[in-house]
Amino acid sequence: MALVLAVAGVYSILAFFVSRRVHEIGLRLCLGAGRGSVLWLVIRRGMTPVLFGLTAGVVAAVIGARFVGSLLFGIAVIDLPTFVAVPTALALAGLLACYVPARRAVAVDPAMALRSE
């Protein structure tokens, strides 16, 4: 449930970002920016907080695992496959949440974006 809420949050913030900057995106496309450049702009804007959150979460998990490991007997403190698989899955979910608004930004018609203000 937390993953669904996180993906919905990233998607909604990025969709709001794209809707507020349609004029800028249209201008960039008119001035010759490639669609890949605009796609990368939006994905980078969305993935920056996702990656910061993942980094903070992994650091907190390592610190928490060491604390809990001192309380338990016979259990590995850090399970490397888990510490790799979970952040990878979360990063992919964040990337999917960023990709949908990024595709919408690339589909902006530059003439319509510049006309509407």
C-alpha atoms as a PDB file:
ATOM      1  CA  MET A   1       0.000   0.000   0.000  1.00  0.00           C
ATOM      2  CA  ALA A   2       2.886   2.356   0.779  1.00  0.00           C
ATOM      3  CA  LEU A   3       4.371   1.698  -2.667  1.00  0.00           C
ATOM      4  CA  VAL A   4       1.079   2.588  -4.362  1.00  0.00           C
ATOM      5  CA  LEU A   5       0.822   5.802  -2.340  1.00  0.00           C
ATOM      6  CA  ALA A   6       4.439   6.726  -3.115  1.00  0.00           C
ATOM      7  CA  VAL A   7       3.982   6.112  -6.846  1.00  0.00           C
ATOM      8  CA  ALA A   8       0.735   8.098  -6.840  1.00  0.00           C
ATOM      9  CA  GLY A   9       2.463  10.958  -5.020  1.00  0.00           C
ATOM     10  CA  VAL A  10       5.403  11.095  -7.419  1.00  0.00           C
ATOM     11  CA  TYR A  11       3.064  10.867 -10.398  1.00  0.00           C
ATOM     12  CA  SER A  12       0.770  13.624  -9.153  1.00  0.00           C
ATOM     13  CA  ILE A  13       3.591  16.030  -8.326  1.00  0.00           C
ATOM     14  CA  LEU A  14       5.241  15.469 -11.689  1.00  0.00           C
ATOM     15  CA  ALA A  15       1.932  15.754 -13.563  1.00  0.00           C
ATOM     16  CA  PHE A  16       1.355  19.085 -11.798  1.00  0.00           C
ATOM     17  CA  PHE A  17       4.880  20.184 -12.751  1.00  0.00           C
ATOM     18  CA  VAL A  18       4.219  19.344 -16.404  1.00  0.00           C
ATOM     19  CA  SER A  19       0.825  21.067 -16.440  1.00  0.00           C
ATOM     20  CA  ARG A  20       2.278  24.262 -14.947  1.00  0.00           C
ATOM     21  CA  ARG A  21       5.197  24.358 -17.398  1.00  0.00           C
ATOM     22  CA  VAL A  22       3.441  23.522 -20.665  1.00  0.00           C
ATOM     23  CA  HIS A  23       4.362  26.943 -22.060  1.00  0.00           C
ATOM     24  CA  GLU A  24       8.059  26.424 -21.247  1.00  0.00           C
ATOM     25  CA  ILE A  25       8.055  22.904 -22.669  1.00  0.00           C
ATOM     26  CA  GLY A  26       6.378  24.150 -25.859  1.00  0.00           C
ATOM     27  CA  LEU A  27       8.955  26.913 -26.164  1.00  0.00           C
ATOM     28  CA  ARG A  28      11.795  24.452 -25.704  1.00  0.00           C
ATOM     29  CA  LEU A  29      10.349  22.254 -28.437  1.00  0.00           C
ATOM     30  CA  CYS A  30       9.916  25.265 -30.754  1.00  0.00           C
ATOM     31  CA  LEU A  31      13.502  26.333 -30.217  1.00  0.00           C
ATOM     32  CA  GLY A  32      14.771  22.925 -31.266  1.00  0.00           C
ATOM     33  CA  ALA A  33      15.038  20.846 -28.134  1.00  0.00           C
ATOM     34  CA  GLY A  34      14.644  17.202 -28.958  1.00  0.00           C
ATOM     35  CA  ARG A  35      11.866  15.137 -27.506  1.00  0.00           C
ATOM     36  CA  GLY A  36      14.465  13.041 -25.718  1.00  0.00           C
ATOM     37  CA  SER A  37      15.811  16.170 -24.052  1.00  0.00           C
ATOM     38  CA  VAL A  38      12.371  17.142 -22.763  1.00  0.00           C
ATOM     39  CA  LEU A  39      11.723  13.560 -21.658  1.00  0.00           C
ATOM     40  CA  TRP A  40      15.016  13.518 -19.756  1.00  0.00           C
ATOM     41  CA  LEU A  41      14.232  16.922 -18.183  1.00  0.00           C
ATOM     42  CA  VAL A  42      10.968  15.702 -16.692  1.00  0.00           C
ATOM     43  CA  ILE A  43      12.299  12.305 -15.616  1.00  0.00           C
ATOM     44  CA  ARG A  44      15.322  13.916 -13.961  1.00  0.00           C
ATOM     45  CA  ARG A  45      13.032  16.350 -12.139  1.00  0.00           C
ATOM     46  CA  GLY A  46      10.989  13.448 -10.748  1.00  0.00           C
ATOM     47  CA  MET A  47      13.762  10.981 -10.014  1.00  0.00           C
ATOM     48  CA  THR A  48      15.895  13.397  -7.980  1.00  0.00           C
ATOM     49  CA  PRO A  49      13.719  13.237  -4.839  1.00  0.00           C
ATOM     50  CA  VAL A  50      13.124   9.522  -5.380  1.00  0.00           C
ATOM     51  CA  LEU A  51      16.872   8.812  -5.367  1.00  0.00           C
ATOM     52  CA  PHE A  52      17.451  11.044  -2.336  1.00  0.00           C
ATOM     53  CA  GLY A  53      14.697   9.180  -0.505  1.00  0.00           C
ATOM     54  CA  LEU A  54      16.118   5.805  -1.472  1.00  0.00           C
ATOM     55  CA  THR A  55      19.570   6.818  -0.272  1.00  0.00           C
ATOM     56  CA  ALA A  56      18.223   8.039   3.066  1.00  0.00           C
ATOM     57  CA  GLY A  57      16.142   4.881   3.414  1.00  0.00           C
ATOM     58  CA  VAL A  58      19.069   2.553   2.763  1.00  0.00           C
ATOM     59  CA  VAL A  59      21.257   4.432   5.259  1.00  0.00           C
ATOM     60  CA  ALA A  60      18.479   4.292   7.870  1.00  0.00           C
ATOM     61  CA  ALA A  61      17.936   0.582   7.153  1.00  0.00           C
ATOM     62  CA  VAL A  62      21.626  -0.213   7.648  1.00  0.00           C
ATOM     63  CA  ILE A  63      21.700   1.699  10.937  1.00  0.00           C
ATOM     64  CA  GLY A  64      18.457   0.061  12.058  1.00  0.00           C
ATOM     65  CA  ALA A  65      19.681  -3.397  11.045  1.00  0.00           C
ATOM     66  CA  ARG A  66      22.794  -3.009  13.167  1.00  0.00           C
ATOM     67  CA  PHE A  67      20.670  -1.987  16.154  1.00  0.00           C
ATOM     68  CA  VAL A  68      18.199  -4.841  15.692  1.00  0.00           C
ATOM     69  CA  GLY A  69      21.035  -7.274  14.965  1.00  0.00           C
ATOM     70  CA  SER A  70      22.431  -6.700  18.435  1.00  0.00           C
ATOM     71  CA  LEU A  71      19.095  -7.791  19.886  1.00  0.00           C
ATOM     72  CA  LEU A  72      18.678 -10.989  17.837  1.00  0.00           C
ATOM     73  CA  PHE A  73      20.778 -14.140  17.849  1.00  0.00           C
ATOM     74  CA  GLY A  74      21.623 -16.181  14.734  1.00  0.00           C
ATOM     75  CA  ILE A  75      20.164 -13.803  12.157  1.00  0.00           C
ATOM     76  CA  ALA A  76      22.261 -12.033   9.538  1.00  0.00           C
ATOM     77  CA  VAL A  77      22.381  -8.298  10.151  1.00  0.00           C
ATOM     78  CA  ILE A  78      22.578  -7.177   6.525  1.00  0.00           C
ATOM     79  CA  ASP A  79      21.027  -9.313   3.797  1.00  0.00           C
ATOM     80  CA  LEU A  80      22.643  -8.072   0.581  1.00  0.00           C
ATOM     81  CA  PRO A  81      19.993  -9.400  -1.844  1.00  0.00           C
ATOM     82  CA  THR A  82      17.281  -7.593   0.110  1.00  0.00           C
ATOM     83  CA  PHE A  83      19.309  -4.387   0.308  1.00  0.00           C
ATOM     84  CA  VAL A  84      19.725  -4.492  -3.481  1.00  0.00           C
ATOM     85  CA  ALA A  85      16.324  -5.816  -4.612  1.00  0.00           C
ATOM     86  CA  VAL A  86      14.083  -3.498  -2.599  1.00  0.00           C
ATOM     87  CA  PRO A  87      15.749  -0.193  -3.609  1.00  0.00           C
ATOM     88  CA  THR A  88      15.903  -1.399  -7.209  1.00  0.00           C
ATOM     89  CA  ALA A  89      12.187  -2.209  -7.214  1.00  0.00           C
ATOM     90  CA  LEU A  90      11.379   1.152  -5.610  1.00  0.00           C
ATOM     91  CA  ALA A  91      13.553   3.003  -8.136  1.00  0.00           C
ATOM     92  CA  LEU A  92      11.822   1.222 -11.023  1.00  0.00           C
ATOM     93  CA  ALA A  93       8.408   2.087  -9.573  1.00  0.00           C
ATOM     94  CA  GLY A  94       9.509   5.721  -9.250  1.00  0.00           C
ATOM     95  CA  LEU A  95      10.795   5.676 -12.825  1.00  0.00           C
ATOM     96  CA  LEU A  96       7.441   4.372 -14.044  1.00  0.00           C
ATOM     97  CA  ALA A  97       5.667   7.111 -12.096  1.00  0.00           C
ATOM     98  CA  CYS A  98       7.935   9.686 -13.767  1.00  0.00           C
ATOM     99  CA  TYR A  99       7.670   8.233 -17.252  1.00  0.00           C
ATOM    100  CA  VAL A 100       3.924   8.756 -17.691  1.00  0.00           C
ATOM    101  CA  PRO A 101       3.976  12.564 -17.151  1.00  0.00           C
ATOM    102  CA  ALA A 102       7.208  12.766 -19.156  1.00  0.00           C
ATOM    103  CA  ARG A 103       5.489  11.139 -22.137  1.00  0.00           C
ATOM    104  CA  ARG A 104       2.659  13.651 -21.748  1.00  0.00           C
ATOM    105  CA  ALA A 105       5.215  16.490 -21.783  1.00  0.00           C
ATOM    106  CA  VAL A 106       6.778  15.162 -24.984  1.00  0.00           C
ATOM    107  CA  ALA A 107       3.350  14.982 -26.621  1.00  0.00           C
ATOM    108  CA  VAL A 108       2.766  18.724 -26.107  1.00  0.00           C
ATOM    109  CA  ASP A 109       2.016  20.493 -29.380  1.00  0.00           C
ATOM    110  CA  PRO A 110       4.376  23.491 -29.403  1.00  0.00           C
ATOM    111  CA  ALA A 111       1.972  25.724 -31.343  1.00  0.00           C
ATOM    112  CA  MET A 112      -0.911  25.045 -28.951  1.00  0.00           C
ATOM    113  CA  ALA A 113       1.335  25.500 -25.924  1.00  0.00           C
ATOM    114  CA  LEU A 114       2.511  28.886 -27.131  1.00  0.00           C
ATOM    115  CA  ARG A 115      -0.977  30.053 -28.075  1.00  0.00           C
ATOM    116  CA  SER A 116      -2.537  29.227 -24.722  1.00  0.00           C
ATOM    117  CA  GLU A 117      -1.455  31.431 -21.859  1.00  0.00           C
END
